[in-house]
Amino acid sequence: MLLIYAGIVAGRLMIPDFVRAAVGAQPYWIQVLEVLVIADIGFYLIHRAFHTFPVLWKFHAVHHSIEELDWLAANRVHPVDQILTKAGSLIPCFALGFSEAALATYALIYQWHAILLHSNIKLKIGPLRWLLASPDFHHWHHSDHKEAYNKNYAGQLSLLDVLFKTAHMPDHQPTKYGCSDNVPETYGKQLLYPFQQLLRRRRRKVSKSNILSTGS
């Protein structure tokens, strides 16, 4: 469903037809590699935004509240987080005219890789860890260690974090995971949590404004 919506939005972007035709005419595997790079750049940017802006963080905190990582953690994501992240990754790819086969292949790779990254396994890939994201790479992103805060944003290509100086991959493993937000444990309450937090934030601002207005 998200792929359909991304395609509809992308269709409204003004990309020249000759560009779309040239992109779609490339060999299949070249398209797949290009989609991986372009989509992960989009993923990196939107993921970093979720960690930077408080309004977005409340939605992303649902995913980061996990204190024990396993493969199921890949699917514990707030729908708003999921929609915006997929949009940032896929809309540019749809707009540029990549083939349906290349986009479908990317979707399968992304889902498999997301499960792998969250899995509670050790996978040593040597120097390739500075190019490709591994469980060690992503586990540090989820860790509750100050030195790892706001690090390792990429989904597939850890090289992006290397280039943007946000990579953190020490030789030892994290000892604790999670975040400081008091996110509820049940799914229904997790869905409401970001909106409740934003509403409370809004009320505090209004209250503070009223106090300042009264004092003046």
N, C-alpha and C. Protein backbone atom coordinates (compact mmCIF):
# COMPACT_ATOMS: atom_id res chain seq x y z
N MET A 1 0.83 -1.21 0.00
CA MET A 1 0.00 0.00 0.00
C MET A 1 0.86 1.27 0.00
N LEU A 2 1.93 1.25 0.80
CA LEU A 2 2.83 2.41 0.83
C LEU A 2 3.51 2.61 -0.52
N LEU A 3 3.82 1.50 -1.20
CA LEU A 3 4.42 1.60 -2.52
C LEU A 3 3.48 2.27 -3.50
N ILE A 4 2.18 1.98 -3.39
CA ILE A 4 1.19 2.58 -4.28
C ILE A 4 1.10 4.07 -4.05
N TYR A 5 1.02 4.48 -2.78
CA TYR A 5 0.93 5.91 -2.46
C TYR A 5 2.19 6.65 -2.91
N ALA A 6 3.35 6.02 -2.69
CA ALA A 6 4.60 6.65 -3.11
C ALA A 6 4.62 6.85 -4.62
N GLY A 7 4.08 5.86 -5.36
CA GLY A 7 4.02 6.00 -6.81
C GLY A 7 3.11 7.11 -7.25
N ILE A 8 1.99 7.28 -6.56
CA ILE A 8 1.04 8.34 -6.90
C ILE A 8 1.67 9.72 -6.67
N VAL A 9 2.32 9.88 -5.52
CA VAL A 9 2.96 11.17 -5.22
C VAL A 9 4.08 11.44 -6.20
N ALA A 10 4.88 10.42 -6.49
CA ALA A 10 6.01 10.59 -7.40
C ALA A 10 5.54 10.99 -8.79
N GLY A 11 4.36 10.50 -9.19
CA GLY A 11 3.84 10.83 -10.50
C GLY A 11 3.52 12.30 -10.67
N ARG A 12 3.36 13.00 -9.56
CA ARG A 12 3.05 14.43 -9.61
C ARG A 12 4.30 15.30 -9.64
N LEU A 13 5.47 14.69 -9.48
CA LEU A 13 6.71 15.44 -9.53
C LEU A 13 7.12 15.68 -10.98
N MET A 14 7.70 16.83 -11.22
CA MET A 14 8.03 17.22 -12.59
C MET A 14 9.40 16.68 -13.01
N ILE A 15 9.46 15.39 -13.29
CA ILE A 15 10.68 14.79 -13.82
C ILE A 15 10.49 14.60 -15.33
N PRO A 16 11.39 15.13 -16.16
CA PRO A 16 11.23 15.00 -17.61
C PRO A 16 11.09 13.54 -18.05
N ASP A 17 10.24 13.32 -19.04
CA ASP A 17 9.99 11.96 -19.51
C ASP A 17 11.26 11.29 -20.04
N PHE A 18 12.15 12.07 -20.67
CA PHE A 18 13.36 11.45 -21.23
C PHE A 18 14.28 10.94 -20.12
N VAL A 19 14.24 11.62 -18.96
CA VAL A 19 15.03 11.15 -17.81
C VAL A 19 14.46 9.83 -17.29
N ARG A 20 13.16 9.78 -17.12
CA ARG A 20 12.50 8.56 -16.63
C ARG A 20 12.73 7.40 -17.60
N ALA A 21 12.65 7.71 -18.89
CA ALA A 21 12.85 6.66 -19.90
C ALA A 21 14.27 6.12 -19.86
N ALA A 22 15.24 7.01 -19.72
CA ALA A 22 16.65 6.60 -19.67
C ALA A 22 16.93 5.76 -18.43
N VAL A 23 16.38 6.17 -17.29
CA VAL A 23 16.58 5.42 -16.05
C VAL A 23 15.96 4.03 -16.16
N GLY A 24 14.73 3.97 -16.66
CA GLY A 24 14.03 2.70 -16.76
C GLY A 24 14.61 1.76 -17.80
N ALA A 25 15.39 2.29 -18.74
CA ALA A 25 15.97 1.46 -19.80
C ALA A 25 17.29 0.81 -19.39
N GLN A 26 17.82 1.17 -18.24
CA GLN A 26 19.08 0.60 -17.77
C GLN A 26 18.91 -0.88 -17.43
N PRO A 27 19.99 -1.65 -17.47
CA PRO A 27 19.91 -3.06 -17.05
C PRO A 27 19.36 -3.17 -15.64
N TYR A 28 18.64 -4.26 -15.40
CA TYR A 28 17.94 -4.49 -14.14
C TYR A 28 18.84 -4.35 -12.92
N TRP A 29 19.99 -5.01 -12.91
CA TRP A 29 20.84 -5.01 -11.72
C TRP A 29 21.49 -3.64 -11.47
N ILE A 30 21.72 -2.89 -12.52
CA ILE A 30 22.22 -1.53 -12.33
C ILE A 30 21.14 -0.68 -11.66
N GLN A 31 19.91 -0.86 -12.09
CA GLN A 31 18.81 -0.14 -11.46
C GLN A 31 18.68 -0.50 -9.98
N VAL A 32 18.82 -1.78 -9.68
CA VAL A 32 18.71 -2.21 -8.27
C VAL A 32 19.77 -1.53 -7.42
N LEU A 33 21.01 -1.50 -7.91
CA LEU A 33 22.10 -0.87 -7.16
C LEU A 33 21.84 0.63 -6.98
N GLU A 34 21.35 1.27 -8.03
CA GLU A 34 21.06 2.71 -7.95
C GLU A 34 19.93 2.99 -6.98
N VAL A 35 18.90 2.16 -7.00
CA VAL A 35 17.78 2.33 -6.06
C VAL A 35 18.28 2.17 -4.63
N LEU A 36 19.14 1.19 -4.38
CA LEU A 36 19.68 0.99 -3.04
C LEU A 36 20.38 2.26 -2.53
N VAL A 37 21.18 2.88 -3.39
CA VAL A 37 21.91 4.08 -2.99
C VAL A 37 20.96 5.26 -2.78
N ILE A 38 20.09 5.52 -3.76
CA ILE A 38 19.19 6.67 -3.68
C ILE A 38 18.21 6.53 -2.52
N ALA A 39 17.63 5.34 -2.38
CA ALA A 39 16.67 5.11 -1.30
C ALA A 39 17.34 5.24 0.06
N ASP A 40 18.58 4.77 0.18
CA ASP A 40 19.23 4.84 1.49
C ASP A 40 19.67 6.26 1.83
N ILE A 41 19.97 7.06 0.83
CA ILE A 41 20.24 8.48 1.10
C ILE A 41 18.98 9.14 1.66
N GLY A 42 17.83 8.84 1.04
CA GLY A 42 16.58 9.36 1.55
C GLY A 42 16.29 8.85 2.95
N PHE A 43 16.56 7.55 3.18
CA PHE A 43 16.35 6.96 4.50
C PHE A 43 17.23 7.65 5.54
N TYR A 44 18.49 7.84 5.19
CA TYR A 44 19.43 8.48 6.12
C TYR A 44 18.91 9.86 6.53
N LEU A 45 18.49 10.66 5.56
CA LEU A 45 18.07 12.03 5.84
C LEU A 45 16.81 12.08 6.70
N ILE A 46 15.81 11.27 6.35
CA ILE A 46 14.57 11.30 7.13
C ILE A 46 14.78 10.69 8.51
N HIS A 47 15.63 9.65 8.58
CA HIS A 47 15.93 9.02 9.87
C HIS A 47 16.65 10.02 10.79
N ARG A 48 17.58 10.76 10.22
CA ARG A 48 18.29 11.77 11.01
C ARG A 48 17.33 12.87 11.48
N ALA A 49 16.37 13.21 10.63
CA ALA A 49 15.37 14.21 11.01
C ALA A 49 14.54 13.73 12.20
N PHE A 50 14.21 12.44 12.23
CA PHE A 50 13.43 11.88 13.34
C PHE A 50 14.20 11.98 14.65
N HIS A 51 15.51 11.97 14.57
CA HIS A 51 16.32 12.10 15.79
C HIS A 51 16.62 13.55 16.13
N THR A 52 16.42 14.45 15.19
CA THR A 52 16.78 15.86 15.38
C THR A 52 15.63 16.71 15.88
N PHE A 53 14.45 16.49 15.34
CA PHE A 53 13.30 17.34 15.65
C PHE A 53 12.41 16.67 16.69
N PRO A 54 12.15 17.33 17.82
CA PRO A 54 11.35 16.74 18.90
C PRO A 54 9.97 16.25 18.46
N VAL A 55 9.34 16.98 17.55
CA VAL A 55 8.01 16.57 17.08
C VAL A 55 8.06 15.20 16.41
N LEU A 56 9.10 14.96 15.62
CA LEU A 56 9.25 13.67 14.95
C LEU A 56 9.77 12.59 15.90
N TRP A 57 10.62 12.99 16.84
CA TRP A 57 11.21 12.00 17.74
C TRP A 57 10.16 11.24 18.53
N LYS A 58 9.08 11.88 18.92
CA LYS A 58 8.05 11.21 19.71
C LYS A 58 7.48 9.99 18.99
N PHE A 59 7.42 10.06 17.67
CA PHE A 59 6.96 8.90 16.89
C PHE A 59 8.06 7.84 16.80
N HIS A 60 9.28 8.29 16.62
CA HIS A 60 10.41 7.36 16.46
C HIS A 60 10.79 6.71 17.79
N ALA A 61 10.44 7.37 18.90
CA ALA A 61 10.78 6.83 20.22
C ALA A 61 10.11 5.48 20.45
N VAL A 62 8.98 5.24 19.81
CA VAL A 62 8.30 3.95 19.94
C VAL A 62 9.24 2.82 19.51
N HIS A 63 9.95 3.03 18.43
CA HIS A 63 10.90 2.03 17.94
C HIS A 63 12.12 1.93 18.85
N HIS A 64 12.58 3.05 19.36
CA HIS A 64 13.79 3.07 20.17
C HIS A 64 13.55 2.67 21.62
N SER A 65 12.31 2.49 22.01
CA SER A 65 12.04 2.10 23.40
C SER A 65 12.32 0.63 23.64
N ILE A 66 12.63 -0.10 22.59
CA ILE A 66 12.93 -1.53 22.71
C ILE A 66 14.21 -1.72 23.53
N GLU A 67 14.14 -2.53 24.58
CA GLU A 67 15.29 -2.74 25.45
C GLU A 67 16.00 -4.06 25.20
N GLU A 68 15.38 -4.95 24.42
CA GLU A 68 16.01 -6.21 24.05
C GLU A 68 15.78 -6.40 22.55
N LEU A 69 16.85 -6.32 21.77
CA LEU A 69 16.71 -6.41 20.32
C LEU A 69 16.60 -7.86 19.85
N ASP A 70 15.66 -8.09 18.94
CA ASP A 70 15.58 -9.33 18.20
C ASP A 70 14.92 -9.00 16.86
N TRP A 71 14.73 -9.99 16.01
CA TRP A 71 14.26 -9.74 14.65
C TRP A 71 12.87 -9.11 14.62
N LEU A 72 12.06 -9.35 15.66
CA LEU A 72 10.72 -8.78 15.70
C LEU A 72 10.75 -7.25 15.87
N ALA A 73 11.86 -6.74 16.42
CA ALA A 73 11.98 -5.30 16.65
C ALA A 73 11.91 -4.51 15.35
N ALA A 74 12.23 -5.15 14.23
CA ALA A 74 12.20 -4.46 12.94
C ALA A 74 10.80 -3.97 12.59
N ASN A 75 9.78 -4.61 13.16
CA ASN A 75 8.39 -4.26 12.83
C ASN A 75 7.70 -3.47 13.93
N ARG A 76 8.43 -3.14 14.99
CA ARG A 76 7.83 -2.32 16.05
C ARG A 76 8.10 -0.85 15.71
N VAL A 77 7.28 -0.31 14.83
CA VAL A 77 7.46 1.05 14.32
C VAL A 77 6.11 1.75 14.29
N HIS A 78 6.06 3.00 14.74
CA HIS A 78 4.81 3.75 14.67
C HIS A 78 4.44 3.99 13.21
N PRO A 79 3.15 3.87 12.85
CA PRO A 79 2.74 4.05 11.45
C PRO A 79 3.18 5.39 10.85
N VAL A 80 3.16 6.46 11.61
CA VAL A 80 3.59 7.76 11.09
C VAL A 80 5.08 7.71 10.74
N ASP A 81 5.86 7.09 11.60
CA ASP A 81 7.29 6.88 11.35
C ASP A 81 7.48 6.08 10.06
N GLN A 82 6.73 5.00 9.94
CA GLN A 82 6.84 4.13 8.77
C GLN A 82 6.50 4.85 7.48
N ILE A 83 5.41 5.60 7.49
CA ILE A 83 4.95 6.29 6.28
C ILE A 83 5.95 7.35 5.83
N LEU A 84 6.41 8.16 6.76
CA LEU A 84 7.34 9.23 6.39
C LEU A 84 8.69 8.68 5.94
N THR A 85 9.15 7.62 6.60
CA THR A 85 10.43 7.03 6.22
C THR A 85 10.35 6.41 4.83
N LYS A 86 9.27 5.66 4.58
CA LYS A 86 9.11 5.05 3.26
C LYS A 86 8.96 6.13 2.19
N ALA A 87 8.27 7.20 2.49
CA ALA A 87 8.09 8.28 1.52
C ALA A 87 9.43 8.90 1.15
N GLY A 88 10.25 9.18 2.17
CA GLY A 88 11.56 9.78 1.92
C GLY A 88 12.48 8.88 1.11
N SER A 89 12.28 7.57 1.25
CA SER A 89 13.12 6.61 0.53
C SER A 89 12.63 6.35 -0.88
N LEU A 90 11.32 6.18 -1.04
CA LEU A 90 10.78 5.64 -2.28
C LEU A 90 10.31 6.67 -3.29
N ILE A 91 9.80 7.80 -2.83
CA ILE A 91 9.27 8.79 -3.77
C ILE A 91 10.31 9.23 -4.80
N PRO A 92 11.57 9.53 -4.39
CA PRO A 92 12.57 9.88 -5.42
C PRO A 92 12.80 8.76 -6.43
N CYS A 93 12.74 7.51 -5.98
CA CYS A 93 12.97 6.38 -6.88
C CYS A 93 11.83 6.21 -7.87
N PHE A 94 10.60 6.35 -7.40
CA PHE A 94 9.45 6.30 -8.30
C PHE A 94 9.51 7.45 -9.29
N ALA A 95 9.84 8.64 -8.79
CA ALA A 95 9.85 9.83 -9.64
C ALA A 95 10.87 9.73 -10.76
N LEU A 96 11.99 9.07 -10.49
CA LEU A 96 13.05 8.96 -11.49
C LEU A 96 12.77 7.90 -12.54
N GLY A 97 11.75 7.08 -12.31
CA GLY A 97 11.35 6.13 -13.34
C GLY A 97 11.99 4.76 -13.28
N PHE A 98 12.47 4.34 -12.11
CA PHE A 98 13.02 2.99 -12.01
C PHE A 98 11.92 1.95 -12.26
N SER A 99 12.30 0.82 -12.79
CA SER A 99 11.33 -0.21 -13.15
C SER A 99 10.67 -0.81 -11.92
N GLU A 100 9.49 -1.38 -12.13
CA GLU A 100 8.78 -2.03 -11.03
C GLU A 100 9.58 -3.20 -10.48
N ALA A 101 10.27 -3.91 -11.35
CA ALA A 101 11.07 -5.06 -10.91
C ALA A 101 12.20 -4.63 -9.99
N ALA A 102 12.87 -3.52 -10.34
CA ALA A 102 13.97 -3.02 -9.50
C ALA A 102 13.44 -2.55 -8.15
N LEU A 103 12.30 -1.86 -8.16
CA LEU A 103 11.72 -1.36 -6.91
C LEU A 103 11.24 -2.51 -6.03
N ALA A 104 10.66 -3.52 -6.64
CA ALA A 104 10.20 -4.69 -5.87
C ALA A 104 11.38 -5.42 -5.26
N THR A 105 12.47 -5.53 -6.02
CA THR A 105 13.68 -6.18 -5.49
C THR A 105 14.23 -5.40 -4.31
N TYR A 106 14.26 -4.07 -4.43
CA TYR A 106 14.72 -3.24 -3.32
C TYR A 106 13.86 -3.47 -2.09
N ALA A 107 12.53 -3.51 -2.28
CA ALA A 107 11.62 -3.70 -1.14
C ALA A 107 11.91 -5.01 -0.42
N LEU A 108 12.18 -6.07 -1.17
CA LEU A 108 12.51 -7.36 -0.56
C LEU A 108 13.84 -7.30 0.19
N ILE A 109 14.83 -6.66 -0.43
CA ILE A 109 16.15 -6.53 0.21
C ILE A 109 16.03 -5.71 1.50
N TYR A 110 15.27 -4.62 1.42
CA TYR A 110 15.12 -3.75 2.60
C TYR A 110 14.48 -4.52 3.75
N GLN A 111 13.40 -5.27 3.47
CA GLN A 111 12.70 -5.98 4.54
C GLN A 111 13.59 -7.05 5.14
N TRP A 112 14.28 -7.82 4.28
CA TRP A 112 15.18 -8.85 4.79
C TRP A 112 16.30 -8.24 5.62
N HIS A 113 16.88 -7.14 5.13
CA HIS A 113 18.00 -6.51 5.80
C HIS A 113 17.57 -5.90 7.14
N ALA A 114 16.36 -5.32 7.18
CA ALA A 114 15.86 -4.74 8.43
C ALA A 114 15.74 -5.81 9.52
N ILE A 115 15.26 -6.98 9.13
CA ILE A 115 15.16 -8.09 10.09
C ILE A 115 16.55 -8.52 10.55
N LEU A 116 17.49 -8.60 9.60
CA LEU A 116 18.86 -8.99 9.95
C LEU A 116 19.50 -7.99 10.91
N LEU A 117 19.33 -6.69 10.65
CA LEU A 117 19.97 -5.66 11.46
C LEU A 117 19.50 -5.69 12.90
N HIS A 118 18.23 -6.05 13.11
CA HIS A 118 17.69 -6.06 14.48
C HIS A 118 17.88 -7.41 15.17
N SER A 119 18.30 -8.42 14.42
CA SER A 119 18.45 -9.76 14.98
C SER A 119 19.55 -9.80 16.04
N ASN A 120 19.35 -10.66 17.01
CA ASN A 120 20.31 -10.80 18.11
C ASN A 120 21.38 -11.81 17.72
N ILE A 121 22.18 -11.43 16.71
CA ILE A 121 23.25 -12.31 16.24
C ILE A 121 24.53 -11.50 16.06
N LYS A 122 25.64 -12.20 16.05
CA LYS A 122 26.92 -11.57 15.77
C LYS A 122 27.34 -11.95 14.35
N LEU A 123 27.61 -10.94 13.54
CA LEU A 123 27.97 -11.17 12.15
C LEU A 123 29.17 -10.29 11.81
N LYS A 124 30.33 -10.88 11.80
CA LYS A 124 31.55 -10.13 11.52
C LYS A 124 31.79 -10.09 10.01
N ILE A 125 31.87 -8.90 9.45
CA ILE A 125 32.09 -8.77 8.01
C ILE A 125 33.36 -7.99 7.70
N GLY A 126 34.22 -7.84 8.70
CA GLY A 126 35.53 -7.22 8.48
C GLY A 126 35.42 -5.78 8.01
N PRO A 127 36.30 -5.37 7.10
CA PRO A 127 36.30 -3.99 6.61
C PRO A 127 35.00 -3.59 5.89
N LEU A 128 34.22 -4.59 5.46
CA LEU A 128 32.97 -4.28 4.77
C LEU A 128 31.97 -3.58 5.68
N ARG A 129 32.22 -3.63 7.00
CA ARG A 129 31.29 -2.96 7.92
C ARG A 129 31.28 -1.45 7.70
N TRP A 130 32.32 -0.91 7.07
CA TRP A 130 32.37 0.53 6.78
C TRP A 130 31.65 0.86 5.48
N LEU A 131 31.16 -0.16 4.80
CA LEU A 131 30.40 0.03 3.57
C LEU A 131 28.95 -0.40 3.74
N LEU A 132 28.75 -1.58 4.34
CA LEU A 132 27.41 -2.15 4.47
C LEU A 132 26.99 -2.21 5.93
N ALA A 133 25.74 -1.91 6.18
CA ALA A 133 25.22 -1.96 7.55
C ALA A 133 25.12 -3.41 8.02
N SER A 134 25.52 -3.63 9.26
CA SER A 134 25.50 -4.97 9.86
C SER A 134 24.74 -4.90 11.18
N PRO A 135 24.42 -6.05 11.79
CA PRO A 135 23.77 -6.03 13.09
C PRO A 135 24.56 -5.22 14.13
N ASP A 136 25.90 -5.37 14.14
CA ASP A 136 26.72 -4.60 15.08
C ASP A 136 26.51 -3.11 14.88
N PHE A 137 26.49 -2.68 13.64
CA PHE A 137 26.29 -1.27 13.29
C PHE A 137 24.96 -0.77 13.82
N HIS A 138 23.89 -1.52 13.56
CA HIS A 138 22.57 -1.03 13.95
C HIS A 138 22.29 -1.21 15.43
N HIS A 139 22.90 -2.20 16.05
CA HIS A 139 22.71 -2.37 17.49
C HIS A 139 23.26 -1.16 18.25
N TRP A 140 24.36 -0.60 17.75
CA TRP A 140 24.88 0.61 18.41
C TRP A 140 23.92 1.78 18.24
N HIS A 141 23.21 1.82 17.13
CA HIS A 141 22.21 2.88 16.93
C HIS A 141 21.11 2.78 17.98
N HIS A 142 20.78 1.56 18.39
CA HIS A 142 19.72 1.35 19.39
C HIS A 142 20.23 1.39 20.82
N SER A 143 21.52 1.47 21.00
CA SER A 143 22.07 1.38 22.35
C SER A 143 21.76 2.63 23.18
N ASP A 144 21.73 2.42 24.47
CA ASP A 144 21.53 3.54 25.40
C ASP A 144 22.87 3.92 26.01
N HIS A 145 23.82 4.28 25.12
CA HIS A 145 25.14 4.76 25.52
C HIS A 145 25.32 6.16 24.94
N LYS A 146 25.71 7.11 25.75
CA LYS A 146 25.79 8.50 25.29
C LYS A 146 26.70 8.66 24.08
N GLU A 147 27.79 7.91 24.03
CA GLU A 147 28.72 8.07 22.92
C GLU A 147 28.12 7.60 21.59
N ALA A 148 27.02 6.85 21.66
CA ALA A 148 26.39 6.34 20.44
C ALA A 148 25.12 7.09 20.07
N TYR A 149 24.75 8.11 20.86
CA TYR A 149 23.55 8.87 20.54
C TYR A 149 23.71 9.55 19.17
N ASN A 150 22.64 9.52 18.38
CA ASN A 150 22.62 10.19 17.07
C ASN A 150 23.74 9.69 16.16
N LYS A 151 23.89 8.39 16.13
CA LYS A 151 24.89 7.75 15.26
C LYS A 151 24.23 6.64 14.44
N ASN A 152 24.89 6.25 13.35
CA ASN A 152 24.50 5.09 12.56
C ASN A 152 23.06 5.17 12.04
N TYR A 153 22.78 6.15 11.22
CA TYR A 153 21.43 6.37 10.70
C TYR A 153 21.09 5.52 9.48
N ALA A 154 22.07 5.12 8.70
CA ALA A 154 21.81 4.46 7.42
C ALA A 154 21.05 3.14 7.59
N GLY A 155 20.31 2.77 6.54
CA GLY A 155 19.59 1.51 6.56
C GLY A 155 20.39 0.38 5.94
N GLN A 156 21.01 0.63 4.79
CA GLN A 156 21.79 -0.40 4.11
C GLN A 156 23.28 -0.06 4.00
N LEU A 157 23.59 1.21 3.83
CA LEU A 157 24.97 1.60 3.52
C LEU A 157 25.58 2.40 4.67
N SER A 158 26.35 1.73 5.50
CA SER A 158 27.03 2.42 6.60
C SER A 158 28.00 3.47 6.07
N LEU A 159 28.37 3.36 4.79
CA LEU A 159 29.25 4.33 4.17
C LEU A 159 28.70 5.75 4.28
N LEU A 160 27.38 5.88 4.27
CA LEU A 160 26.76 7.21 4.39
C LEU A 160 27.10 7.84 5.73
N ASP A 161 27.09 7.04 6.79
CA ASP A 161 27.45 7.56 8.11
C ASP A 161 28.93 7.90 8.18
N VAL A 162 29.73 7.13 7.47
CA VAL A 162 31.16 7.44 7.41
C VAL A 162 31.36 8.80 6.73
N LEU A 163 30.66 9.01 5.61
CA LEU A 163 30.80 10.25 4.86
C LEU A 163 30.29 11.45 5.64
N PHE A 164 29.18 11.27 6.37
CA PHE A 164 28.58 12.38 7.13
C PHE A 164 29.08 12.45 8.57
N LYS A 165 30.08 11.61 8.88
CA LYS A 165 30.73 11.63 10.19
C LYS A 165 29.75 11.31 11.33
N THR A 166 28.86 10.37 11.09
CA THR A 166 27.95 9.92 12.15
C THR A 166 28.12 8.42 12.43
N ALA A 167 29.21 7.84 11.98
CA ALA A 167 29.44 6.41 12.19
C ALA A 167 30.03 6.15 13.58
N HIS A 168 29.57 5.08 14.21
CA HIS A 168 30.10 4.69 15.53
C HIS A 168 30.11 3.17 15.59
N MET A 169 31.28 2.57 15.44
CA MET A 169 31.38 1.11 15.45
C MET A 169 32.62 0.65 16.22
N PRO A 170 32.59 0.75 17.54
CA PRO A 170 33.72 0.23 18.33
C PRO A 170 33.75 -1.29 18.27
N ASP A 171 34.83 -1.88 18.73
CA ASP A 171 34.99 -3.33 18.66
C ASP A 171 34.12 -4.08 19.67
N HIS A 172 33.77 -3.44 20.78
CA HIS A 172 32.95 -4.12 21.77
C HIS A 172 31.46 -3.92 21.48
N GLN A 173 30.62 -4.66 22.19
CA GLN A 173 29.18 -4.63 21.99
C GLN A 173 28.48 -3.73 23.01
N PRO A 174 27.31 -3.17 22.67
CA PRO A 174 26.54 -2.39 23.65
C PRO A 174 26.09 -3.28 24.81
N THR A 175 25.92 -2.68 25.96
CA THR A 175 25.45 -3.44 27.12
C THR A 175 24.02 -3.11 27.49
N LYS A 176 23.46 -2.05 26.93
CA LYS A 176 22.06 -1.72 27.22
C LYS A 176 21.45 -0.99 26.03
N TYR A 177 20.11 -1.17 25.91
CA TYR A 177 19.38 -0.60 24.79
C TYR A 177 18.17 0.18 25.33
N GLY A 178 17.54 0.94 24.43
CA GLY A 178 16.35 1.69 24.81
C GLY A 178 16.58 3.18 24.76
N CYS A 179 15.63 3.93 25.32
CA CYS A 179 15.72 5.38 25.36
C CYS A 179 15.09 5.89 26.65
N SER A 180 15.23 7.18 26.90
CA SER A 180 14.75 7.75 28.16
C SER A 180 13.25 8.02 28.16
N ASP A 181 12.62 8.01 26.99
CA ASP A 181 11.17 8.24 26.92
C ASP A 181 10.40 7.10 27.59
N ASN A 182 9.35 7.46 28.29
CA ASN A 182 8.54 6.46 28.99
C ASN A 182 7.42 5.97 28.06
N VAL A 183 7.80 5.21 27.05
CA VAL A 183 6.86 4.72 26.04
C VAL A 183 6.06 3.55 26.61
N PRO A 184 4.74 3.55 26.45
CA PRO A 184 3.92 2.43 26.95
C PRO A 184 4.30 1.11 26.30
N GLU A 185 3.90 0.01 26.94
CA GLU A 185 4.27 -1.31 26.43
C GLU A 185 3.24 -1.87 25.45
N THR A 186 1.98 -1.51 25.58
CA THR A 186 0.95 -2.08 24.71
C THR A 186 0.86 -1.31 23.40
N TYR A 187 0.47 -2.01 22.33
CA TYR A 187 0.48 -1.42 21.00
C TYR A 187 -0.49 -0.24 20.88
N GLY A 188 -1.70 -0.40 21.42
CA GLY A 188 -2.68 0.68 21.34
C GLY A 188 -2.18 1.95 21.99
N LYS A 189 -1.58 1.83 23.15
CA LYS A 189 -1.06 3.00 23.84
C LYS A 189 0.15 3.59 23.13
N GLN A 190 0.93 2.72 22.46
CA GLN A 190 2.06 3.23 21.68
C GLN A 190 1.59 4.08 20.50
N LEU A 191 0.47 3.70 19.90
CA LEU A 191 -0.08 4.48 18.80
C LEU A 191 -0.48 5.88 19.26
N LEU A 192 -1.02 5.97 20.46
CA LEU A 192 -1.50 7.25 20.98
C LEU A 192 -0.38 8.08 21.61
N TYR A 193 0.67 7.41 22.07
CA TYR A 193 1.72 8.08 22.83
C TYR A 193 2.27 9.35 22.18
N PRO A 194 2.69 9.34 20.91
CA PRO A 194 3.27 10.57 20.33
C PRO A 194 2.28 11.73 20.32
N PHE A 195 1.02 11.43 20.00
CA PHE A 195 0.01 12.49 19.94
C PHE A 195 -0.27 13.06 21.33
N GLN A 196 -0.28 12.19 22.34
CA GLN A 196 -0.47 12.66 23.71
C GLN A 196 0.68 13.55 24.16
N GLN A 197 1.90 13.16 23.79
CA GLN A 197 3.06 13.95 24.17
C GLN A 197 3.07 15.31 23.48
N LEU A 198 2.68 15.33 22.21
CA LEU A 198 2.64 16.59 21.47
C LEU A 198 1.53 17.49 22.01
N LEU A 199 0.42 16.90 22.42
CA LEU A 199 -0.68 17.68 22.99
C LEU A 199 -0.25 18.29 24.33
N ARG A 200 0.44 17.52 25.16
CA ARG A 200 0.94 18.03 26.44
C ARG A 200 1.94 19.15 26.22
N ARG A 201 2.78 18.97 25.21
CA ARG A 201 3.76 20.01 24.89
C ARG A 201 3.07 21.29 24.46
N ARG A 202 2.01 21.15 23.68
CA ARG A 202 1.24 22.30 23.24
C ARG A 202 0.57 23.01 24.42
N ARG A 203 0.02 22.22 25.33
CA ARG A 203 -0.65 22.80 26.50
C ARG A 203 0.34 23.55 27.39
N ARG A 204 1.56 22.99 27.53
CA ARG A 204 2.57 23.67 28.34
C ARG A 204 2.95 25.00 27.73
N LYS A 205 3.07 25.04 26.40
CA LYS A 205 3.41 26.29 25.72
C LYS A 205 2.32 27.33 25.91
N VAL A 206 1.05 26.88 25.80
CA VAL A 206 -0.08 27.81 25.96
C VAL A 206 -0.12 28.32 27.39
N SER A 207 0.11 27.40 28.35
CA SER A 207 0.09 27.80 29.76
C SER A 207 1.20 28.80 30.07
N LYS A 208 2.39 28.52 29.54
CA LYS A 208 3.52 29.42 29.75
C LYS A 208 3.25 30.78 29.12
N SER A 209 2.64 30.78 27.95
CA SER A 209 2.33 32.02 27.27
C SER A 209 1.31 32.83 28.06
N ASN A 210 0.32 32.14 28.63
CA ASN A 210 -0.69 32.83 29.45
C ASN A 210 -0.09 33.43 30.70
N ILE A 211 0.85 32.72 31.31
CA ILE A 211 1.50 33.21 32.53
C ILE A 211 2.31 34.47 32.22
N LEU A 212 3.06 34.41 31.11
CA LEU A 212 3.85 35.57 30.71
C LEU A 212 2.97 36.75 30.35
N SER A 213 1.85 36.47 29.72
CA SER A 213 0.92 37.53 29.33
C SER A 213 0.29 38.18 30.56
N THR A 214 -0.06 37.34 31.53
CA THR A 214 -0.66 37.85 32.77
C THR A 214 0.34 38.67 33.57
N GLY A 215 1.60 38.18 33.58
CA GLY A 215 2.64 38.87 34.33
C GLY A 215 2.98 40.23 33.76
N SER A 216 2.82 40.39 32.45
CA SER A 216 3.15 41.68 31.83
C SER A 216 2.03 42.68 32.03
